[in-house]
Structure formats: C-alpha cells, structure tokens
Amino acid sequence: MHTWLVRTTITLDDDVHEFALYYARARGLTLSAAIEELIRKAQAPAKPEPDIRRGPNGFPLLPPSGRTITSEMVKQIEEEEFDPKKIA
C-alpha cells in the first residue's frame, strides 16, 4: 500500500454533496475520508441476501432451530417474568 496523497477536484450534484457532508459529520470524518469510505463500501462484495421464507398467510417465518416452542413454554416464561410488585 502506498502512502501518497493524491489531490483531485471533483464535481458533485448538490444533493450528493449534502449527503456526503451529512455522512461525514455524523461519523466524525473529513469530507475526503467520508467519500473514500463510501467508495470502499460500494466496492465491497455484496452480502448474501437472507433466506426469508413466508408462511401461507404471508408472514415471515423464523428459521428452523430444531426446537418446537409450545404454548406451555410461553405460559411458563410469562409467569416467571410477571411480578405484580413491579407494576404497583
């Protein structure tokens, strides 16, 4: 990796410039560092899309974990966590 600094003048649309400034300020970076970070992110390989399956009613399903959660298990957890003293 080289350590040379290269100065380049670029022209940005106003909305792109405004976004880059906002991004830089939010992350505590200089404008140059922010633009460099954004370009490097754009070059990074895309992350694989998650495998989201939907049930017959259209709701997303949780990935199978090998365990079945029963209504009795849910009731037990609710009873353990419910403390009327905390409400009063």
N, C-alpha and C. Protein backbone atom coordinates (compact mmCIF):
# COMPACT_ATOMS: atom_id res chain seq x y z
N MET A 1 0.85 -1.18 0.00
CA MET A 1 0.00 0.00 0.00
C MET A 1 0.89 1.24 0.00
N HIS A 2 0.57 2.16 -0.83
CA HIS A 2 1.36 3.39 -0.88
C HIS A 2 0.80 4.43 0.08
N THR A 3 1.61 5.41 0.42
CA THR A 3 1.18 6.44 1.36
C THR A 3 1.12 7.81 0.69
N TRP A 4 1.05 7.82 -0.63
CA TRP A 4 0.99 9.10 -1.32
C TRP A 4 -0.38 9.71 -1.13
N LEU A 5 -0.42 11.02 -1.04
CA LEU A 5 -1.68 11.73 -1.03
C LEU A 5 -1.93 12.25 -2.44
N VAL A 6 -3.11 12.01 -2.93
CA VAL A 6 -3.47 12.47 -4.26
C VAL A 6 -4.58 13.49 -4.10
N ARG A 7 -4.39 14.64 -4.69
CA ARG A 7 -5.41 15.69 -4.65
C ARG A 7 -6.14 15.69 -5.98
N THR A 8 -7.44 15.62 -5.90
CA THR A 8 -8.26 15.61 -7.09
C THR A 8 -9.46 16.51 -6.85
N THR A 9 -9.82 17.27 -7.83
CA THR A 9 -11.02 18.09 -7.75
C THR A 9 -12.16 17.34 -8.43
N ILE A 10 -13.28 17.22 -7.72
CA ILE A 10 -14.44 16.55 -8.30
C ILE A 10 -15.65 17.48 -8.23
N THR A 11 -16.59 17.24 -9.10
CA THR A 11 -17.84 18.00 -9.10
C THR A 11 -18.96 17.06 -8.69
N LEU A 12 -19.70 17.47 -7.68
CA LEU A 12 -20.81 16.66 -7.18
C LEU A 12 -22.12 17.43 -7.33
N ASP A 13 -23.19 16.71 -7.60
CA ASP A 13 -24.50 17.35 -7.57
C ASP A 13 -24.75 17.84 -6.15
N ASP A 14 -25.58 18.86 -6.02
CA ASP A 14 -25.83 19.45 -4.70
C ASP A 14 -26.34 18.43 -3.69
N ASP A 15 -27.26 17.57 -4.11
CA ASP A 15 -27.82 16.60 -3.17
C ASP A 15 -26.77 15.56 -2.74
N VAL A 16 -25.88 15.19 -3.64
CA VAL A 16 -24.82 14.24 -3.31
C VAL A 16 -23.82 14.89 -2.36
N HIS A 17 -23.48 16.13 -2.62
CA HIS A 17 -22.57 16.88 -1.74
C HIS A 17 -23.16 17.02 -0.35
N GLU A 18 -24.45 17.34 -0.28
CA GLU A 18 -25.13 17.49 1.01
C GLU A 18 -25.12 16.17 1.78
N PHE A 19 -25.38 15.07 1.07
CA PHE A 19 -25.37 13.75 1.72
C PHE A 19 -23.97 13.44 2.24
N ALA A 20 -22.95 13.69 1.43
CA ALA A 20 -21.58 13.38 1.83
C ALA A 20 -21.18 14.21 3.07
N LEU A 21 -21.57 15.47 3.10
CA LEU A 21 -21.28 16.31 4.27
C LEU A 21 -22.00 15.78 5.51
N TYR A 22 -23.26 15.42 5.36
CA TYR A 22 -24.03 14.89 6.48
C TYR A 22 -23.40 13.59 6.99
N TYR A 23 -23.04 12.72 6.06
CA TYR A 23 -22.41 11.45 6.40
C TYR A 23 -21.11 11.70 7.15
N ALA A 24 -20.30 12.62 6.64
CA ALA A 24 -19.01 12.93 7.27
C ALA A 24 -19.20 13.45 8.69
N ARG A 25 -20.12 14.38 8.86
CA ARG A 25 -20.35 14.95 10.19
C ARG A 25 -20.88 13.90 11.16
N ALA A 26 -21.79 13.07 10.68
CA ALA A 26 -22.39 12.05 11.55
C ALA A 26 -21.35 11.04 12.02
N ARG A 27 -20.35 10.78 11.20
CA ARG A 27 -19.34 9.78 11.55
C ARG A 27 -18.06 10.41 12.07
N GLY A 28 -18.01 11.74 12.15
CA GLY A 28 -16.82 12.41 12.66
C GLY A 28 -15.64 12.32 11.72
N LEU A 29 -15.90 12.38 10.41
CA LEU A 29 -14.86 12.26 9.41
C LEU A 29 -14.72 13.55 8.62
N THR A 30 -13.59 13.69 7.95
CA THR A 30 -13.46 14.77 6.99
C THR A 30 -14.29 14.39 5.76
N LEU A 31 -14.58 15.35 4.93
CA LEU A 31 -15.33 15.07 3.71
C LEU A 31 -14.58 14.07 2.84
N SER A 32 -13.27 14.24 2.73
CA SER A 32 -12.46 13.32 1.93
C SER A 32 -12.53 11.90 2.47
N ALA A 33 -12.41 11.75 3.78
CA ALA A 33 -12.45 10.42 4.39
C ALA A 33 -13.83 9.79 4.22
N ALA A 34 -14.86 10.61 4.31
CA ALA A 34 -16.22 10.08 4.14
C ALA A 34 -16.44 9.58 2.72
N ILE A 35 -16.01 10.35 1.73
CA ILE A 35 -16.17 9.93 0.33
C ILE A 35 -15.35 8.67 0.08
N GLU A 36 -14.15 8.62 0.62
CA GLU A 36 -13.31 7.42 0.46
C GLU A 36 -14.00 6.20 1.08
N GLU A 37 -14.56 6.36 2.28
CA GLU A 37 -15.25 5.26 2.94
C GLU A 37 -16.44 4.78 2.13
N LEU A 38 -17.21 5.72 1.59
CA LEU A 38 -18.38 5.36 0.80
C LEU A 38 -17.99 4.62 -0.48
N ILE A 39 -16.92 5.06 -1.11
CA ILE A 39 -16.46 4.38 -2.32
C ILE A 39 -15.99 2.97 -1.99
N ARG A 40 -15.26 2.82 -0.89
CA ARG A 40 -14.79 1.48 -0.50
C ARG A 40 -15.97 0.56 -0.16
N LYS A 41 -17.00 1.10 0.47
CA LYS A 41 -18.18 0.30 0.76
C LYS A 41 -18.86 -0.15 -0.53
N ALA A 42 -18.89 0.73 -1.51
CA ALA A 42 -19.52 0.39 -2.79
C ALA A 42 -18.73 -0.70 -3.52
N GLN A 43 -17.43 -0.77 -3.29
CA GLN A 43 -16.59 -1.77 -3.95
C GLN A 43 -16.63 -3.12 -3.25
N ALA A 44 -17.06 -3.14 -2.00
CA ALA A 44 -17.06 -4.39 -1.23
C ALA A 44 -18.06 -5.37 -1.84
N PRO A 45 -17.75 -6.65 -1.78
CA PRO A 45 -18.69 -7.64 -2.31
C PRO A 45 -20.01 -7.58 -1.57
N ALA A 46 -21.08 -7.77 -2.29
CA ALA A 46 -22.41 -7.72 -1.69
C ALA A 46 -22.60 -8.88 -0.72
N LYS A 47 -23.27 -8.59 0.38
CA LYS A 47 -23.58 -9.63 1.35
C LYS A 47 -24.72 -10.47 0.79
N PRO A 48 -24.69 -11.76 1.05
CA PRO A 48 -25.78 -12.60 0.54
C PRO A 48 -27.11 -12.21 1.16
N GLU A 49 -28.15 -12.29 0.36
CA GLU A 49 -29.48 -11.98 0.85
C GLU A 49 -29.91 -13.05 1.86
N PRO A 50 -30.57 -12.63 2.94
CA PRO A 50 -31.03 -13.63 3.90
C PRO A 50 -32.15 -14.47 3.29
N ASP A 51 -32.20 -15.72 3.70
CA ASP A 51 -33.22 -16.63 3.21
C ASP A 51 -34.46 -16.46 4.08
N ILE A 52 -35.35 -15.56 3.64
CA ILE A 52 -36.57 -15.29 4.39
C ILE A 52 -37.71 -16.05 3.72
N ARG A 53 -38.27 -16.97 4.48
CA ARG A 53 -39.40 -17.74 3.96
C ARG A 53 -40.68 -17.20 4.55
N ARG A 54 -41.75 -17.33 3.79
CA ARG A 54 -43.05 -16.83 4.25
C ARG A 54 -44.04 -17.98 4.35
N GLY A 55 -44.89 -17.87 5.36
CA GLY A 55 -45.93 -18.88 5.55
C GLY A 55 -47.07 -18.65 4.58
N PRO A 56 -48.06 -19.51 4.61
CA PRO A 56 -49.19 -19.38 3.70
C PRO A 56 -49.99 -18.09 3.87
N ASN A 57 -49.90 -17.50 5.07
CA ASN A 57 -50.60 -16.24 5.32
C ASN A 57 -49.76 -15.02 4.95
N GLY A 58 -48.53 -15.23 4.49
CA GLY A 58 -47.66 -14.13 4.08
C GLY A 58 -46.71 -13.63 5.14
N PHE A 59 -46.85 -14.08 6.37
CA PHE A 59 -45.96 -13.63 7.43
C PHE A 59 -44.60 -14.32 7.32
N PRO A 60 -43.52 -13.59 7.63
CA PRO A 60 -42.20 -14.22 7.58
C PRO A 60 -42.07 -15.28 8.67
N LEU A 61 -41.38 -16.34 8.34
CA LEU A 61 -41.17 -17.43 9.28
C LEU A 61 -39.76 -17.35 9.86
N LEU A 62 -39.62 -17.74 11.12
CA LEU A 62 -38.30 -17.83 11.72
C LEU A 62 -37.59 -19.04 11.15
N PRO A 63 -36.27 -18.97 11.04
CA PRO A 63 -35.55 -20.14 10.53
C PRO A 63 -35.69 -21.31 11.51
N PRO A 64 -35.78 -22.52 10.99
CA PRO A 64 -35.94 -23.67 11.89
C PRO A 64 -34.71 -23.83 12.78
N SER A 65 -34.97 -24.08 14.06
CA SER A 65 -33.87 -24.25 15.01
C SER A 65 -33.82 -25.67 15.55
N GLY A 66 -34.78 -26.50 15.16
CA GLY A 66 -34.80 -27.86 15.66
C GLY A 66 -35.63 -28.01 16.92
N ARG A 67 -36.07 -26.88 17.51
CA ARG A 67 -36.87 -26.93 18.72
C ARG A 67 -38.27 -26.42 18.41
N THR A 68 -39.25 -27.00 19.07
CA THR A 68 -40.62 -26.52 18.96
C THR A 68 -40.96 -25.77 20.23
N ILE A 69 -41.49 -24.56 20.07
CA ILE A 69 -41.89 -23.76 21.22
C ILE A 69 -43.38 -24.00 21.42
N THR A 70 -43.73 -24.51 22.58
CA THR A 70 -45.12 -24.84 22.86
C THR A 70 -45.79 -23.72 23.63
N SER A 71 -47.11 -23.74 23.65
CA SER A 71 -47.84 -22.72 24.41
C SER A 71 -47.56 -22.86 25.90
N GLU A 72 -47.30 -24.07 26.36
CA GLU A 72 -46.96 -24.27 27.77
C GLU A 72 -45.64 -23.58 28.12
N MET A 73 -44.68 -23.65 27.21
CA MET A 73 -43.39 -22.99 27.44
C MET A 73 -43.58 -21.48 27.53
N VAL A 74 -44.43 -20.93 26.67
CA VAL A 74 -44.69 -19.49 26.67
C VAL A 74 -45.37 -19.08 27.97
N LYS A 75 -46.36 -19.85 28.40
CA LYS A 75 -47.07 -19.55 29.65
C LYS A 75 -46.11 -19.57 30.84
N GLN A 76 -45.21 -20.55 30.86
CA GLN A 76 -44.25 -20.66 31.96
C GLN A 76 -43.35 -19.43 32.01
N ILE A 77 -42.86 -18.99 30.87
CA ILE A 77 -41.99 -17.81 30.84
C ILE A 77 -42.76 -16.57 31.26
N GLU A 78 -44.01 -16.44 30.81
CA GLU A 78 -44.82 -15.29 31.21
C GLU A 78 -45.02 -15.26 32.72
N GLU A 79 -45.29 -16.42 33.32
CA GLU A 79 -45.49 -16.49 34.76
C GLU A 79 -44.21 -16.16 35.52
N GLU A 80 -43.08 -16.60 35.02
CA GLU A 80 -41.81 -16.34 35.68
C GLU A 80 -41.45 -14.86 35.63
N GLU A 81 -41.78 -14.20 34.53
CA GLU A 81 -41.39 -12.80 34.36
C GLU A 81 -42.40 -11.83 34.97
N PHE A 82 -43.63 -12.28 35.20
CA PHE A 82 -44.66 -11.37 35.74
C PHE A 82 -44.45 -11.22 37.23
N ASP A 83 -44.28 -9.96 37.65
CA ASP A 83 -44.14 -9.65 39.06
C ASP A 83 -45.07 -8.47 39.37
N PRO A 84 -46.20 -8.72 40.02
CA PRO A 84 -47.14 -7.63 40.27
C PRO A 84 -46.55 -6.50 41.10
N LYS A 85 -45.54 -6.78 41.91
CA LYS A 85 -44.91 -5.73 42.71
C LYS A 85 -44.24 -4.68 41.85
N LYS A 86 -43.77 -5.09 40.68
CA LYS A 86 -43.10 -4.15 39.78
C LYS A 86 -44.09 -3.19 39.14
N ILE A 87 -45.36 -3.60 39.03
CA ILE A 87 -46.37 -2.75 38.40
C ILE A 87 -46.86 -1.68 39.37
N ALA A 88 -47.01 -2.02 40.65
CA ALA A 88 -47.57 -1.11 41.65
C ALA A 88 -46.63 0.01 41.99
